[in-house]
């Protein structure tokens, strides 16, 4: 801590020796020791030299120097002799904690510390509370500038944040011990009313989610039917329009629909429909010929392309076929996607909570 000192006093060698002798024999009280150490420092005597000649540790030198300056600031604020005598006590460690306060705050804090008979920990708590309180733009409602109210405010604020009744009650009791104004006591006592009331259960969080990708939103497609199908079965398949932002689709009672992920290949289709068939109905052999399959066809694509399979007819029945050249047969649509059913090893696990052995 830096204080405004009086004009530096140049000491003679004899005066230095006298101060060192006085410190060695611990003459006077700690206030005199602090002033003596400060004079030696001002005249070029290092902490280590003082330690070697007096036995005062460097940390102790700093403590008594700073505390003696706090003591002098109390004297300048016209503190009573009884208060000054109390801190000559010795209570240098207590006054050291008040170094962070201004001169007026130090006097108020010193009086409160004496009134409550606080030790160094209590003094540190008061100084910290007063410093934080002084940073507020204006005193909180009900609390005054008294140092006790500043400490009480910290307990009041902390008590409001505690969840358990035991923690709240302990902090309320401490706050009431320090509160100096009637309004501050009322503010703290109001927390007792909150404790006495039956705690109300807080409403749970809303189960809110956001769809992050297109695939998370299902695509609803009309079903043309199941093989075997005829060409006329495609005539009554409607085009479903999805209403944003959630893809709501209005369907008639007689229309069957199915949902699949909103893959890009599906979203690009102009007139997608679903046809159910088995593996044996595909133009290329599959491992399981009787496996149920879901086929998505875009009825809007009727131009041949060697890189795709197409829906066409044969003897008035719909079939899937690949052509290596432009066909004579009419192309009714392009095969987009073939979906196989999800393989579930144990369906019972889907509805049971997870269990794990220790």
Protein backbone atom coordinates (compact mmCIF):
# COMPACT_ATOMS: atom_id res chain seq x y z
CA UNK A 1 0.00 0.00 0.00
CA UNK A 2 1.26 3.49 -0.82
CA UNK A 3 0.54 6.37 1.59
CA UNK A 4 1.37 10.07 1.34
CA UNK A 5 4.25 10.43 3.79
CA UNK A 6 5.50 13.54 5.55
CA UNK A 7 8.69 15.11 4.29
CA UNK A 8 11.42 12.49 4.42
CA UNK A 9 13.65 12.90 7.46
CA UNK A 10 17.37 12.54 6.83
CA UNK A 11 18.83 10.62 9.76
CA UNK A 12 22.33 10.86 11.12
CA UNK A 13 24.31 7.70 11.73
CA UNK A 14 23.66 8.06 15.46
CA UNK A 15 19.92 8.38 14.91
CA UNK A 16 19.91 5.27 12.76
CA UNK A 17 21.78 3.37 15.47
CA UNK A 18 19.29 4.57 18.08
CA UNK A 19 16.29 3.39 16.02
CA UNK A 20 17.94 0.02 15.42
CA UNK A 21 18.72 -0.33 19.14
CA UNK A 22 15.10 0.52 19.99
CA UNK A 23 13.80 -2.05 17.51
CA UNK A 24 16.20 -4.68 18.80
CA UNK A 25 14.88 -4.28 22.34
CA UNK A 26 11.27 -3.87 21.14
CA UNK A 27 10.84 -0.59 22.95
CA UNK A 28 7.46 1.13 22.70
CA UNK A 29 4.60 -0.61 20.83
CA UNK A 30 4.21 -1.91 17.32
CA UNK A 31 3.22 1.56 16.07
CA UNK A 32 6.66 2.84 17.07
CA UNK A 33 8.28 -0.15 15.36
CA UNK A 34 6.44 0.56 12.13
CA UNK A 35 7.47 4.22 12.16
CA UNK A 36 11.06 3.26 12.95
CA UNK A 37 11.24 0.75 10.10
CA UNK A 38 9.78 3.32 7.70
CA UNK A 39 12.41 5.91 8.70
CA UNK A 40 15.19 3.41 8.13
CA UNK A 41 13.75 2.45 4.73
CA UNK A 42 13.55 6.13 3.77
CA UNK A 43 17.23 6.46 4.61
CA UNK A 44 18.42 3.57 2.50
CA UNK A 45 18.44 0.76 5.06
CA UNK A 46 17.17 -2.44 3.43
CA UNK A 47 14.73 -4.95 4.91
CA UNK A 48 17.49 -7.52 5.14
CA UNK A 49 19.78 -5.17 7.08
CA UNK A 50 16.99 -4.38 9.54
CA UNK A 51 16.29 -8.10 9.96
CA UNK A 52 19.96 -8.90 10.60
CA UNK A 53 20.32 -6.16 13.23
CA UNK A 54 16.90 -6.35 14.94
CA UNK A 55 15.45 -9.80 14.27
CA UNK A 56 12.31 -8.33 12.67
CA UNK A 57 11.32 -10.55 9.72
CA UNK A 58 10.73 -8.82 6.38
CA UNK A 59 7.03 -9.75 6.45
CA UNK A 60 6.66 -8.37 9.98
CA UNK A 61 8.37 -5.14 8.94
CA UNK A 62 5.88 -4.67 6.11
CA UNK A 63 2.95 -5.45 8.39
CA UNK A 64 3.86 -2.94 11.11
CA UNK A 65 4.80 -0.24 8.57
CA UNK A 66 1.44 -0.50 6.77
CA UNK A 67 -0.54 -0.91 9.99
CA UNK A 68 1.18 2.11 11.57
CA UNK A 69 0.09 4.21 8.58
CA UNK A 70 -3.50 3.00 9.07
CA UNK A 71 -3.14 3.87 12.77
CA UNK A 72 -1.98 7.41 11.89
CA UNK A 73 -4.93 7.80 9.51
CA UNK A 74 -7.25 6.98 12.44
CA UNK A 75 -5.50 9.66 14.50
CA UNK A 76 -5.94 12.16 11.64
CA UNK A 77 -9.66 11.33 11.59
CA UNK A 78 -9.72 12.35 15.26
CA UNK A 79 -10.31 8.87 16.62
CA UNK A 80 -10.80 8.81 20.37
CA UNK A 81 -7.86 7.93 22.58
CA UNK A 82 -9.70 4.88 23.89
CA UNK A 83 -10.01 3.55 20.30
CA UNK A 84 -6.33 4.24 19.58
CA UNK A 85 -5.31 2.55 22.79
CA UNK A 86 -7.40 -0.48 21.85
CA UNK A 87 -5.45 -0.94 18.62
CA UNK A 88 -2.08 -0.44 20.28
CA UNK A 89 -3.29 -3.69 21.86
CA UNK A 90 -1.34 -5.13 19.96
CA UNK A 91 -3.63 -5.38 16.93
CA UNK A 92 -1.36 -4.48 14.04
CA UNK A 93 -2.64 -7.45 12.02
CA UNK A 94 -6.23 -6.20 12.39
CA UNK A 95 -5.42 -2.67 11.22
CA UNK A 96 -3.35 -4.07 8.35
CA UNK A 97 -6.56 -5.47 6.81
CA UNK A 98 -8.06 -1.95 6.67
CA UNK A 99 -5.36 -0.74 4.26
CA UNK A 100 -7.71 -1.13 1.26
CA UNK A 101 -10.19 1.46 2.67
CA UNK A 102 -10.04 5.24 2.57
CA UNK A 103 -9.37 7.20 5.74
CA UNK A 104 -13.03 7.79 6.63
CA UNK A 105 -13.96 4.16 5.99
CA UNK A 106 -11.06 2.99 8.16
CA UNK A 107 -12.39 4.88 11.16
CA UNK A 108 -15.91 3.43 10.73
CA UNK A 109 -14.52 -0.06 10.26
CA UNK A 110 -12.18 0.26 13.25
CA UNK A 111 -15.08 1.24 15.51
CA UNK A 112 -17.19 -1.71 14.33
CA UNK A 113 -14.32 -4.16 14.77
CA UNK A 114 -13.78 -2.97 18.32
CA UNK A 115 -17.52 -3.11 19.06
CA UNK A 116 -17.74 -6.72 17.80
CA UNK A 117 -14.32 -7.73 19.26
CA UNK A 118 -13.30 -9.18 15.90
CA UNK A 119 -9.98 -10.80 15.07
CA UNK A 120 -7.95 -10.47 11.87
CA UNK A 121 -10.36 -12.71 9.89
CA UNK A 122 -13.34 -10.60 10.93
CA UNK A 123 -11.47 -7.42 10.04
CA UNK A 124 -10.62 -8.81 6.60
CA UNK A 125 -14.28 -9.69 6.03
CA UNK A 126 -15.44 -6.19 6.99
CA UNK A 127 -12.85 -4.45 4.84
CA UNK A 128 -13.73 -6.59 1.82
CA UNK A 129 -17.48 -6.03 2.29
CA UNK A 130 -17.06 -2.26 2.67
CA UNK A 131 -14.84 -2.07 -0.42
CA UNK A 132 -17.36 -3.99 -2.56
CA UNK A 133 -20.23 -1.93 -1.12
CA UNK A 134 -18.45 1.31 -2.07
CA UNK A 135 -18.26 0.16 -5.70
CA UNK A 136 -22.06 0.07 -5.99
CA UNK A 137 -23.56 3.05 -7.81
CA UNK A 138 -25.99 3.55 -4.91
CA UNK A 139 -26.74 1.69 -1.67
CA UNK A 140 -29.17 -1.23 -2.19
CA UNK A 141 -32.70 -0.68 -0.94
CA UNK A 142 -32.86 -0.78 2.85
CA UNK A 143 -29.08 -0.71 3.43
CA UNK A 144 -27.18 2.41 4.56
CA UNK A 145 -23.54 3.44 4.27
CA UNK A 146 -22.81 2.20 7.80
CA UNK A 147 -20.04 -0.44 7.77
CA UNK A 148 -22.30 -2.89 9.58
CA UNK A 149 -24.91 -2.54 6.87
CA UNK A 150 -22.25 -3.13 4.22
CA UNK A 151 -21.35 -6.45 5.86
CA UNK A 152 -25.01 -7.30 6.46
CA UNK A 153 -25.72 -6.69 2.77
CA UNK A 154 -23.14 -9.30 1.77
CA UNK A 155 -24.76 -11.87 4.08
CA UNK A 156 -28.22 -10.92 2.79
CA UNK A 157 -27.10 -11.32 -0.82
CA UNK A 158 -25.42 -14.67 -0.15
CA UNK A 159 -28.38 -15.97 1.85
CA UNK A 160 -30.74 -15.34 -1.05
CA UNK A 161 -28.59 -17.54 -3.28
CA UNK A 162 -28.46 -20.53 -0.93
CA UNK A 163 -30.72 -23.51 -1.55
CA UNK A 164 -30.73 -25.28 1.81
CA UNK A 165 -32.55 -23.91 4.86
CA UNK A 166 -29.51 -24.51 7.09
CA UNK A 167 -27.24 -22.36 4.92
CA UNK A 168 -29.86 -19.62 4.63
CA UNK A 169 -30.47 -19.56 8.40
CA UNK A 170 -26.75 -19.34 9.20
CA UNK A 171 -26.17 -16.41 6.86
CA UNK A 172 -29.30 -14.60 8.06
CA UNK A 173 -28.07 -14.87 11.65
CA UNK A 174 -24.69 -13.43 10.69
CA UNK A 175 -26.34 -10.60 8.77
CA UNK A 176 -28.54 -9.67 11.73
CA UNK A 177 -25.46 -9.60 13.94
CA UNK A 178 -23.91 -6.84 11.81
CA UNK A 179 -26.95 -4.84 10.59
CA UNK A 180 -26.82 -1.34 12.10
CA UNK A 181 -29.95 0.27 10.64
CA UNK A 182 -33.54 -0.78 11.22
CA UNK A 183 -34.19 -0.95 7.49
CA UNK A 184 -31.28 -3.32 6.95
CA UNK A 185 -32.61 -5.57 9.71
CA UNK A 186 -36.02 -5.55 8.02
CA UNK A 187 -34.47 -6.59 4.72
CA UNK A 188 -32.68 -9.52 6.33
CA UNK A 189 -35.65 -10.51 8.50
CA UNK A 190 -37.78 -10.69 5.35
CA UNK A 191 -35.70 -13.70 4.36
CA UNK A 192 -36.95 -15.45 7.50
CA UNK A 193 -40.47 -15.13 6.13
CA UNK A 194 -39.34 -16.80 2.92
CA UNK A 195 -37.93 -19.70 4.94
CA UNK A 196 -41.16 -20.09 6.90
CA UNK A 197 -43.24 -20.36 3.75
CA UNK A 198 -43.73 -23.73 2.13
CA UNK A 199 -41.34 -23.84 -0.80
CA UNK A 200 -43.14 -23.89 -4.11
CA UNK A 201 -41.98 -26.33 -6.71
CA UNK A 202 -40.50 -24.60 -9.71
CA UNK A 203 -42.04 -25.37 -13.07
CA UNK A 204 -39.89 -27.78 -15.07
CA UNK A 205 -37.96 -26.68 -18.12
CA UNK A 206 -39.86 -26.81 -21.37
CA UNK A 207 -38.78 -29.87 -23.44
CA UNK A 208 -37.67 -27.69 -26.34
CA UNK A 209 -35.56 -28.96 -29.23
CA UNK A 210 -34.54 -27.56 -32.59
CA UNK A 211 -34.32 -29.52 -35.84
CA UNK A 212 -30.73 -29.08 -36.94
CA UNK A 213 -30.75 -30.84 -40.33
CA UNK A 214 -33.17 -31.58 -43.17
CA UNK A 215 -32.91 -35.32 -42.55
CA UNK A 216 -34.36 -34.94 -39.05
CA UNK A 217 -37.64 -33.75 -40.60
CA UNK A 218 -39.43 -36.73 -42.20
CA UNK A 219 -40.61 -36.57 -45.79
CA UNK A 220 -44.23 -37.73 -46.26
CA UNK A 221 -44.84 -39.55 -49.54
CA UNK A 222 -48.03 -41.02 -51.07
CA UNK A 223 -48.21 -44.79 -51.55
CA UNK A 224 -49.17 -46.06 -54.99
CA UNK A 225 -49.63 -49.63 -53.74
CA UNK A 226 -47.93 -53.01 -53.61
CA UNK A 227 -46.76 -55.17 -56.50
CA UNK A 228 -48.36 -56.47 -58.57
CA UNK A 229 -49.65 -53.11 -59.83
CA UNK A 230 -51.17 -51.91 -63.07
CA UNK A 231 -50.59 -48.66 -64.90
CA UNK A 232 -54.01 -47.32 -63.94
CA UNK A 233 -53.00 -47.60 -60.25
CA UNK A 234 -50.75 -44.59 -60.80
CA UNK A 235 -53.56 -42.37 -62.03
CA UNK A 236 -54.99 -41.58 -58.63
CA UNK A 237 -51.77 -40.98 -56.69
CA UNK A 238 -51.92 -37.38 -55.39
CA UNK A 239 -49.07 -34.88 -55.15
CA UNK A 240 -48.59 -33.92 -51.51
CA UNK A 241 -47.51 -30.36 -50.70
CA UNK A 242 -45.64 -29.85 -47.42
CA UNK A 243 -46.43 -26.70 -45.44
CA UNK A 244 -43.40 -25.10 -43.79
CA UNK A 245 -41.77 -24.85 -41.32
CA UNK A 246 -42.58 -28.38 -40.10
CA UNK A 247 -43.63 -30.04 -43.33
CA UNK A 248 -47.33 -30.47 -42.48
CA UNK A 249 -49.16 -32.44 -45.20
CA UNK A 250 -52.91 -32.60 -45.70
CA UNK A 251 -54.16 -35.97 -47.05
CA UNK A 252 -57.53 -37.39 -47.97
CA UNK A 253 -59.00 -40.28 -46.04
CA UNK A 254 -58.47 -42.73 -48.91
CA UNK A 255 -54.78 -41.89 -49.39
CA UNK A 256 -52.03 -43.96 -47.76
CA UNK A 257 -48.74 -42.26 -46.89
CA UNK A 258 -45.36 -43.27 -45.52
CA UNK A 259 -42.51 -41.22 -44.01
CA UNK A 260 -38.85 -41.48 -44.87
CA UNK A 261 -35.87 -39.19 -44.11
CA UNK A 262 -35.72 -35.97 -46.12
CA UNK A 263 -32.73 -36.92 -48.23
CA UNK A 264 -31.74 -34.56 -51.03
CA UNK A 265 -32.56 -37.11 -53.74
CA UNK A 266 -36.14 -37.22 -52.42
CA UNK A 267 -36.51 -33.47 -51.96
CA UNK A 268 -35.44 -32.86 -55.58
CA UNK A 269 -38.12 -35.17 -56.97
CA UNK A 270 -41.07 -33.49 -58.69
CA UNK A 271 -43.64 -36.26 -58.20
CA UNK A 272 -42.32 -38.88 -55.75
CA UNK A 273 -44.48 -41.91 -54.92
CA UNK A 274 -43.85 -45.09 -52.95
CA UNK A 275 -44.30 -48.63 -54.24
CA UNK A 276 -43.90 -51.69 -52.03
CA UNK A 277 -42.49 -54.87 -53.51
CA UNK A 278 -40.18 -57.78 -52.74
CA UNK A 279 -36.62 -58.51 -53.68
CA UNK A 280 -37.75 -60.80 -56.51
CA UNK A 281 -39.48 -57.84 -58.18
CA UNK A 282 -36.20 -56.01 -58.80
CA UNK A 283 -34.40 -56.32 -62.14
CA UNK A 284 -31.27 -57.48 -60.36
CA UNK A 285 -31.12 -60.43 -57.96
CA UNK A 286 -30.90 -59.72 -54.24
CA UNK A 287 -29.84 -61.96 -51.35
CA UNK A 288 -33.36 -62.20 -49.97
CA UNK A 289 -35.94 -62.44 -52.72
CA UNK A 290 -38.86 -62.35 -50.30
CA UNK A 291 -37.64 -59.32 -48.31
CA UNK A 292 -40.15 -56.45 -48.16
CA UNK A 293 -38.80 -53.32 -49.87
CA UNK A 294 -39.88 -49.70 -50.14
CA UNK A 295 -39.20 -48.10 -53.53
CA UNK A 296 -39.37 -44.36 -54.18
CA UNK A 297 -40.11 -43.46 -57.80
CA UNK A 298 -40.25 -40.01 -59.39
CA UNK A 299 -43.14 -40.19 -61.86
CA UNK A 300 -42.06 -36.83 -63.32
CA UNK A 301 -38.89 -38.32 -64.89
CA UNK A 302 -39.75 -40.09 -68.14
CA UNK A 303 -36.52 -39.52 -70.10
CA UNK A 304 -34.13 -42.47 -70.47
CA UNK A 305 -30.70 -42.42 -68.81
CA UNK A 306 -28.35 -45.39 -68.77
CA UNK A 307 -27.31 -44.62 -65.21
CA UNK A 308 -30.73 -45.28 -63.69
CA UNK A 309 -33.43 -47.90 -63.33
CA UNK A 310 -36.94 -47.06 -64.45
CA UNK A 311 -40.57 -47.98 -63.85
CA UNK A 312 -42.24 -49.29 -66.99
CA UNK A 313 -44.98 -51.75 -67.92
CA UNK A 314 -45.04 -55.25 -69.31
CA UNK A 315 -48.34 -56.95 -70.17
CA UNK A 316 -50.14 -54.12 -68.34
CA UNK A 317 -48.19 -54.84 -65.13
CA UNK A 318 -45.72 -52.39 -63.67
CA UNK A 319 -42.10 -53.56 -63.47
CA UNK A 320 -38.68 -52.10 -62.75
CA UNK A 321 -36.14 -52.36 -65.54
CA UNK A 322 -32.76 -51.09 -66.74
CA UNK A 323 -32.22 -50.22 -70.40
CA UNK A 324 -28.80 -50.08 -72.04
CA UNK A 325 -30.24 -47.92 -74.82
CA UNK A 326 -33.26 -45.74 -75.36
CA UNK A 327 -36.24 -48.13 -75.06
CA UNK A 328 -39.34 -48.51 -77.18
CA UNK A 329 -41.35 -49.09 -73.98
CA UNK A 330 -42.89 -46.13 -72.24
CA UNK A 331 -40.94 -44.90 -69.20
CA UNK A 332 -43.34 -44.16 -66.34
CA UNK A 333 -40.85 -42.95 -63.75
CA UNK A 334 -37.28 -43.13 -62.41
CA UNK A 335 -36.31 -45.32 -59.46
CA UNK A 336 -34.74 -43.05 -56.83
CA UNK A 337 -34.26 -45.04 -53.63
CA UNK A 338 -34.71 -48.60 -52.40
CA UNK A 339 -35.24 -48.94 -48.64
CA UNK A 340 -34.84 -52.17 -46.77
CA UNK A 341 -36.57 -52.51 -43.34
CA UNK A 342 -34.50 -51.80 -40.26
CA UNK A 343 -33.03 -54.93 -38.77
CA UNK A 344 -33.92 -55.20 -35.06
CA UNK A 345 -32.17 -57.98 -33.17
CA UNK A 346 -34.29 -57.72 -30.04
CA UNK A 347 -37.41 -55.57 -30.23
CA UNK A 348 -37.96 -55.87 -26.48
CA UNK A 349 -34.81 -53.82 -25.83
CA UNK A 350 -36.37 -50.78 -27.49
CA UNK A 351 -38.95 -50.36 -24.74
CA UNK A 352 -36.79 -51.34 -21.74
CA UNK A 353 -34.46 -49.01 -19.79
CA UNK A 354 -30.77 -49.60 -20.29
CA UNK A 355 -29.20 -51.82 -17.68
CA UNK A 356 -25.50 -52.16 -17.00
CA UNK A 357 -23.71 -54.46 -14.61
CA UNK A 358 -21.29 -52.87 -12.17
